[in-house]
């Protein structure tokens, strides 16, 4: 069940500066996958379409060099990918990668990250 936008926005109640970044993420995800289910959890917001393919969260741990105020936009892909904002990646299973992009402003979600979002959504439909 997809929560109302109010439920997702309530996730950021203590960090109002994050809302413009989150709104850009949600808009990009729902433009890519209008049927996506939004699941609000304690530590992240997950986007599902058959499988999870994108995630938005506040940083649990701030890595060296990360902006003071940022969101982590994570994508599940079949491969690793390079992008200046992808500051962490994990390969939990063969041919499965999780890329973590750090977004400090709405404009940080550029066309290249949107292309990776498209790839993540496609991967979720077939994995």
N, C-alpha and C. Protein backbone atom coordinates (compact mmCIF):
# COMPACT_ATOMS: atom_id res chain seq x y z
N UNK A 1 0.85 -1.18 0.00
CA UNK A 1 0.00 0.00 0.00
C UNK A 1 0.89 1.24 0.00
N UNK A 2 0.61 2.15 -0.89
CA UNK A 2 1.39 3.38 -0.97
C UNK A 2 0.83 4.39 0.01
N UNK A 3 1.69 4.91 0.90
CA UNK A 3 1.20 5.90 1.87
C UNK A 3 0.93 7.22 1.17
N UNK A 4 0.19 8.05 1.84
CA UNK A 4 0.00 9.40 1.29
C UNK A 4 1.34 10.11 1.31
N UNK A 5 1.44 11.14 0.52
CA UNK A 5 2.67 11.92 0.50
C UNK A 5 2.97 12.45 1.90
N UNK A 6 1.92 12.69 2.70
CA UNK A 6 2.13 13.18 4.07
C UNK A 6 2.93 12.19 4.90
N UNK A 7 2.70 10.89 4.71
CA UNK A 7 3.45 9.88 5.47
C UNK A 7 4.92 9.92 5.11
N UNK A 8 5.21 10.01 3.81
CA UNK A 8 6.61 10.07 3.39
C UNK A 8 7.25 11.36 3.88
N UNK A 9 6.53 12.45 3.78
CA UNK A 9 7.08 13.75 4.21
C UNK A 9 7.29 13.78 5.73
N UNK A 10 6.44 13.07 6.49
CA UNK A 10 6.60 13.03 7.94
C UNK A 10 7.92 12.38 8.34
N UNK A 11 8.45 11.52 7.48
CA UNK A 11 9.74 10.90 7.72
C UNK A 11 10.82 11.97 7.96
N UNK A 12 10.66 13.11 7.31
CA UNK A 12 11.65 14.19 7.40
C UNK A 12 11.22 15.32 8.34
N UNK A 13 10.33 15.02 9.30
CA UNK A 13 9.78 16.06 10.19
C UNK A 13 10.87 16.85 10.91
N UNK A 14 11.93 16.21 11.32
CA UNK A 14 12.99 16.91 12.05
C UNK A 14 14.05 17.52 11.15
N UNK A 15 13.90 17.35 9.85
CA UNK A 15 14.90 17.85 8.90
C UNK A 15 14.20 18.53 7.72
N UNK A 16 13.54 19.66 7.97
CA UNK A 16 12.79 20.30 6.89
C UNK A 16 13.64 20.69 5.69
N UNK A 17 14.94 20.89 5.89
CA UNK A 17 15.83 21.22 4.77
C UNK A 17 15.88 20.08 3.75
N UNK A 18 15.54 18.85 4.18
CA UNK A 18 15.63 17.69 3.30
C UNK A 18 14.43 17.56 2.36
N UNK A 19 13.34 18.24 2.65
CA UNK A 19 12.13 18.06 1.85
C UNK A 19 12.29 18.41 0.38
N UNK A 20 12.95 19.51 0.01
CA UNK A 20 13.11 19.77 -1.42
C UNK A 20 13.91 18.67 -2.14
N UNK A 21 14.89 18.11 -1.47
CA UNK A 21 15.67 17.03 -2.07
C UNK A 21 14.79 15.79 -2.20
N UNK A 22 14.07 15.46 -1.13
CA UNK A 22 13.19 14.30 -1.16
C UNK A 22 12.12 14.45 -2.24
N UNK A 23 11.51 15.63 -2.34
CA UNK A 23 10.47 15.84 -3.34
C UNK A 23 11.01 15.59 -4.75
N UNK A 24 12.26 15.97 -5.00
CA UNK A 24 12.87 15.72 -6.31
C UNK A 24 13.06 14.22 -6.53
N UNK A 25 13.49 13.51 -5.50
CA UNK A 25 13.65 12.05 -5.60
C UNK A 25 12.30 11.40 -5.88
N UNK A 26 11.29 11.74 -5.08
CA UNK A 26 9.98 11.13 -5.26
C UNK A 26 9.43 11.43 -6.65
N UNK A 27 9.57 12.65 -7.11
CA UNK A 27 9.09 13.01 -8.45
C UNK A 27 9.80 12.18 -9.52
N UNK A 28 11.11 12.03 -9.39
CA UNK A 28 11.87 11.24 -10.38
C UNK A 28 11.43 9.79 -10.36
N UNK A 29 11.26 9.23 -9.18
CA UNK A 29 10.86 7.82 -9.08
C UNK A 29 9.47 7.62 -9.66
N UNK A 30 8.53 8.49 -9.31
CA UNK A 30 7.16 8.30 -9.78
C UNK A 30 7.01 8.67 -11.26
N UNK A 31 7.91 9.47 -11.78
CA UNK A 31 7.92 9.71 -13.22
C UNK A 31 8.41 8.46 -13.94
N UNK A 32 9.42 7.84 -13.39
CA UNK A 32 9.96 6.59 -13.97
C UNK A 32 8.99 5.44 -13.80
N UNK A 33 8.39 5.33 -12.63
CA UNK A 33 7.54 4.19 -12.30
C UNK A 33 6.28 4.68 -11.59
N UNK A 34 5.30 5.19 -12.32
CA UNK A 34 4.10 5.75 -11.69
C UNK A 34 3.36 4.74 -10.80
N UNK A 35 3.54 3.46 -11.07
CA UNK A 35 2.86 2.42 -10.29
C UNK A 35 3.66 2.01 -9.05
N UNK A 36 4.81 2.60 -8.83
CA UNK A 36 5.67 2.20 -7.72
C UNK A 36 4.96 2.36 -6.38
N UNK A 37 5.22 1.41 -5.52
CA UNK A 37 4.71 1.46 -4.15
C UNK A 37 5.75 2.15 -3.29
N UNK A 38 5.30 3.06 -2.45
CA UNK A 38 6.19 3.78 -1.53
C UNK A 38 5.98 3.19 -0.15
N UNK A 39 7.07 2.69 0.43
CA UNK A 39 7.00 2.11 1.78
C UNK A 39 7.89 2.94 2.71
N UNK A 40 7.26 3.52 3.71
CA UNK A 40 7.99 4.35 4.67
C UNK A 40 8.35 3.47 5.86
N UNK A 41 9.64 3.35 6.11
CA UNK A 41 10.15 2.56 7.23
C UNK A 41 10.78 3.50 8.25
N UNK A 42 11.33 2.94 9.29
CA UNK A 42 11.93 3.76 10.34
C UNK A 42 13.17 4.49 9.85
N UNK A 43 13.98 3.86 9.00
CA UNK A 43 15.25 4.47 8.59
C UNK A 43 15.33 4.84 7.12
N UNK A 44 14.34 4.45 6.32
CA UNK A 44 14.40 4.78 4.90
C UNK A 44 13.02 4.72 4.26
N UNK A 45 12.93 5.29 3.09
CA UNK A 45 11.74 5.18 2.26
C UNK A 45 12.15 4.31 1.07
N UNK A 46 11.37 3.27 0.83
CA UNK A 46 11.69 2.30 -0.21
C UNK A 46 10.65 2.39 -1.33
N UNK A 47 11.12 2.29 -2.57
CA UNK A 47 10.26 2.29 -3.74
C UNK A 47 10.28 0.90 -4.35
N UNK A 48 9.08 0.32 -4.52
CA UNK A 48 8.92 -1.05 -5.00
C UNK A 48 8.14 -1.08 -6.30
N UNK A 49 8.52 -1.98 -7.17
CA UNK A 49 7.74 -2.37 -8.34
C UNK A 49 8.19 -3.79 -8.66
N UNK A 50 7.52 -4.75 -8.15
CA UNK A 50 7.88 -6.16 -8.12
C UNK A 50 8.95 -6.39 -7.05
N UNK A 51 10.05 -5.67 -7.14
CA UNK A 51 11.11 -5.69 -6.12
C UNK A 51 11.49 -4.26 -5.80
N UNK A 52 12.21 -4.08 -4.70
CA UNK A 52 12.71 -2.74 -4.36
C UNK A 52 13.75 -2.33 -5.39
N UNK A 53 13.72 -1.05 -5.78
CA UNK A 53 14.70 -0.59 -6.76
C UNK A 53 15.35 0.74 -6.39
N UNK A 54 14.74 1.50 -5.49
CA UNK A 54 15.32 2.79 -5.09
C UNK A 54 14.97 3.04 -3.63
N UNK A 55 15.83 3.82 -2.98
CA UNK A 55 15.70 4.06 -1.54
C UNK A 55 16.14 5.50 -1.25
N UNK A 56 15.45 6.14 -0.33
CA UNK A 56 15.85 7.48 0.13
C UNK A 56 16.00 7.42 1.64
N UNK A 57 17.07 8.01 2.15
CA UNK A 57 17.29 8.00 3.60
C UNK A 57 18.18 9.15 4.01
N UNK A 58 18.13 9.44 5.28
CA UNK A 58 19.11 10.33 5.88
C UNK A 58 20.35 9.49 6.16
N UNK A 59 21.52 10.07 6.08
CA UNK A 59 22.72 9.26 6.35
C UNK A 59 22.75 8.75 7.78
N UNK A 60 22.94 7.46 7.92
CA UNK A 60 23.07 6.86 9.25
C UNK A 60 24.45 7.21 9.82
N UNK A 61 25.43 7.07 8.99
CA UNK A 61 26.81 7.46 9.32
C UNK A 61 27.30 8.37 8.22
N UNK A 62 27.88 9.44 8.60
CA UNK A 62 28.41 10.37 7.62
C UNK A 62 29.85 9.99 7.31
N UNK A 63 30.11 9.77 6.04
CA UNK A 63 31.46 9.43 5.62
C UNK A 63 32.27 10.71 5.43
N UNK A 64 33.56 10.58 5.49
CA UNK A 64 34.44 11.72 5.28
C UNK A 64 34.17 12.34 3.90
N UNK A 65 34.02 13.65 3.88
CA UNK A 65 33.79 14.36 2.64
C UNK A 65 32.33 14.54 2.26
N UNK A 66 31.41 13.91 3.02
CA UNK A 66 30.00 14.09 2.72
C UNK A 66 29.53 15.45 3.21
N UNK A 67 28.58 16.08 2.52
CA UNK A 67 28.03 17.35 2.99
C UNK A 67 27.36 17.19 4.35
N UNK A 68 27.30 18.27 5.10
CA UNK A 68 26.65 18.24 6.41
C UNK A 68 25.17 17.89 6.28
N UNK A 69 24.51 18.47 5.29
CA UNK A 69 23.09 18.21 5.05
C UNK A 69 22.95 17.51 3.70
N UNK A 70 22.52 16.26 3.75
CA UNK A 70 22.36 15.50 2.50
C UNK A 70 21.41 14.34 2.73
N UNK A 71 20.91 13.82 1.63
CA UNK A 71 20.15 12.58 1.63
C UNK A 71 20.94 11.54 0.87
N UNK A 72 20.72 10.31 1.21
CA UNK A 72 21.32 9.20 0.47
C UNK A 72 20.24 8.63 -0.44
N UNK A 73 20.54 8.59 -1.72
CA UNK A 73 19.64 8.03 -2.73
C UNK A 73 20.31 6.76 -3.24
N UNK A 74 19.73 5.62 -2.91
CA UNK A 74 20.34 4.33 -3.24
C UNK A 74 19.55 3.64 -4.35
N UNK A 75 20.28 2.92 -5.18
CA UNK A 75 19.69 2.23 -6.32
C UNK A 75 20.21 0.80 -6.37
N UNK A 76 19.33 -0.13 -6.71
CA UNK A 76 19.73 -1.52 -6.90
C UNK A 76 19.93 -1.81 -8.38
N UNK A 77 21.13 -2.21 -8.75
CA UNK A 77 21.46 -2.44 -10.15
C UNK A 77 22.08 -3.82 -10.36
N UNK A 78 22.16 -4.22 -11.61
CA UNK A 78 22.81 -5.48 -11.97
C UNK A 78 24.31 -5.30 -12.14
N UNK A 79 24.79 -4.07 -12.05
CA UNK A 79 26.21 -3.77 -12.27
C UNK A 79 26.60 -2.57 -11.42
N UNK A 80 27.88 -2.38 -11.28
CA UNK A 80 28.37 -1.16 -10.64
C UNK A 80 28.33 -0.05 -11.70
N UNK A 81 28.36 1.17 -11.26
CA UNK A 81 28.36 2.30 -12.19
C UNK A 81 29.11 3.45 -11.55
N UNK A 82 29.71 4.23 -12.40
CA UNK A 82 30.46 5.40 -11.94
C UNK A 82 29.59 6.65 -12.07
N UNK A 83 29.64 7.49 -11.07
CA UNK A 83 28.98 8.79 -11.08
C UNK A 83 29.62 9.60 -9.96
N UNK A 84 29.85 10.88 -10.17
CA UNK A 84 30.52 11.68 -9.13
C UNK A 84 29.80 11.69 -7.78
N UNK A 85 28.49 11.51 -7.76
CA UNK A 85 27.75 11.56 -6.50
C UNK A 85 27.60 10.18 -5.85
N UNK A 86 27.98 9.12 -6.56
CA UNK A 86 27.96 7.78 -5.97
C UNK A 86 29.24 7.65 -5.14
N UNK A 87 29.05 7.72 -3.83
CA UNK A 87 30.19 7.73 -2.93
C UNK A 87 30.38 6.41 -2.20
N UNK A 88 29.44 5.50 -2.37
CA UNK A 88 29.59 4.17 -1.76
C UNK A 88 28.83 3.18 -2.63
N UNK A 89 29.35 1.96 -2.67
CA UNK A 89 28.68 0.90 -3.42
C UNK A 89 28.95 -0.43 -2.70
N UNK A 90 28.00 -1.33 -2.88
CA UNK A 90 28.13 -2.66 -2.28
C UNK A 90 27.72 -3.70 -3.31
N UNK A 91 28.33 -4.85 -3.22
CA UNK A 91 28.04 -5.96 -4.12
C UNK A 91 27.64 -7.16 -3.26
N UNK A 92 26.40 -7.16 -2.73
CA UNK A 92 26.01 -8.20 -1.77
C UNK A 92 25.85 -9.58 -2.38
N UNK A 93 25.55 -9.66 -3.67
CA UNK A 93 25.38 -10.91 -4.38
C UNK A 93 25.98 -10.76 -5.76
N UNK A 94 26.34 -11.85 -6.41
CA UNK A 94 26.82 -11.73 -7.79
C UNK A 94 25.78 -11.03 -8.66
N UNK A 95 26.23 -10.12 -9.47
CA UNK A 95 25.38 -9.37 -10.40
C UNK A 95 24.31 -8.53 -9.71
N UNK A 96 24.55 -8.16 -8.46
CA UNK A 96 23.64 -7.27 -7.74
C UNK A 96 24.47 -6.23 -7.01
N UNK A 97 24.20 -4.99 -7.34
CA UNK A 97 24.94 -3.87 -6.76
C UNK A 97 23.97 -2.89 -6.12
N UNK A 98 24.38 -2.30 -5.03
CA UNK A 98 23.65 -1.19 -4.44
C UNK A 98 24.57 0.01 -4.47
N UNK A 99 24.14 1.05 -5.17
CA UNK A 99 24.91 2.29 -5.28
C UNK A 99 24.26 3.33 -4.39
N UNK A 100 25.08 4.06 -3.64
CA UNK A 100 24.59 5.09 -2.72
C UNK A 100 25.10 6.44 -3.19
N UNK A 101 24.18 7.25 -3.67
CA UNK A 101 24.51 8.61 -4.13
C UNK A 101 24.14 9.59 -3.03
N UNK A 102 24.98 10.57 -2.84
CA UNK A 102 24.75 11.59 -1.83
C UNK A 102 24.24 12.84 -2.53
N UNK A 103 23.04 13.28 -2.13
CA UNK A 103 22.41 14.45 -2.73
C UNK A 103 22.29 15.56 -1.69
N UNK A 104 22.91 16.70 -1.96
CA UNK A 104 22.86 17.84 -1.04
C UNK A 104 21.90 18.92 -1.52
N UNK A 105 21.41 18.80 -2.74
CA UNK A 105 20.49 19.78 -3.32
C UNK A 105 19.63 19.08 -4.37
N UNK A 106 18.45 19.59 -4.64
CA UNK A 106 17.59 18.95 -5.64
C UNK A 106 18.27 18.77 -7.00
N UNK A 107 19.07 19.73 -7.42
CA UNK A 107 19.73 19.64 -8.72
C UNK A 107 20.79 18.54 -8.78
N UNK A 108 21.16 17.98 -7.63
CA UNK A 108 22.14 16.89 -7.63
C UNK A 108 21.60 15.63 -8.30
N UNK A 109 20.28 15.51 -8.41
CA UNK A 109 19.68 14.37 -9.10
C UNK A 109 19.64 14.72 -10.59
N UNK A 110 20.77 14.49 -11.24
CA UNK A 110 20.95 14.91 -12.63
C UNK A 110 20.48 13.83 -13.61
N UNK A 111 20.64 14.11 -14.90
CA UNK A 111 20.18 13.17 -15.93
C UNK A 111 20.89 11.82 -15.85
N UNK A 112 22.17 11.82 -15.47
CA UNK A 112 22.90 10.55 -15.37
C UNK A 112 22.36 9.69 -14.23
N UNK A 113 22.03 10.31 -13.09
CA UNK A 113 21.43 9.54 -11.99
C UNK A 113 20.02 9.08 -12.37
N UNK A 114 19.29 9.91 -13.11
CA UNK A 114 17.97 9.50 -13.57
C UNK A 114 18.07 8.30 -14.52
N UNK A 115 19.11 8.26 -15.33
CA UNK A 115 19.33 7.10 -16.20
C UNK A 115 19.62 5.85 -15.37
N UNK A 116 20.37 6.00 -14.28
CA UNK A 116 20.62 4.87 -13.39
C UNK A 116 19.33 4.44 -12.68
N UNK A 117 18.48 5.40 -12.34
CA UNK A 117 17.18 5.08 -11.76
C UNK A 117 16.36 4.26 -12.74
N UNK A 118 16.37 4.64 -13.99
CA UNK A 118 15.65 3.88 -15.03
C UNK A 118 16.19 2.44 -15.10
N UNK A 119 17.51 2.33 -15.07
CA UNK A 119 18.15 1.01 -15.11
C UNK A 119 17.77 0.18 -13.88
N UNK A 120 17.74 0.83 -12.71
CA UNK A 120 17.37 0.12 -11.48
C UNK A 120 15.93 -0.37 -11.55
N UNK A 121 15.05 0.45 -12.07
CA UNK A 121 13.65 0.05 -12.19
C UNK A 121 13.52 -1.14 -13.15
N UNK A 122 14.18 -1.06 -14.29
CA UNK A 122 14.15 -2.18 -15.24
C UNK A 122 14.67 -3.45 -14.60
N UNK A 123 15.75 -3.33 -13.83
CA UNK A 123 16.33 -4.50 -13.17
C UNK A 123 15.35 -5.10 -12.16
N UNK A 124 14.63 -4.26 -11.44
CA UNK A 124 13.66 -4.75 -10.45
C UNK A 124 12.55 -5.55 -11.10
N UNK A 125 12.24 -5.25 -12.33
CA UNK A 125 11.16 -5.95 -13.02
C UNK A 125 11.55 -7.33 -13.51
N UNK A 126 12.87 -7.59 -13.65
CA UNK A 126 13.30 -8.87 -14.22
C UNK A 126 14.13 -9.73 -13.27
N UNK A 127 14.60 -9.20 -12.15
CA UNK A 127 15.47 -10.01 -11.29
C UNK A 127 14.73 -11.08 -10.54
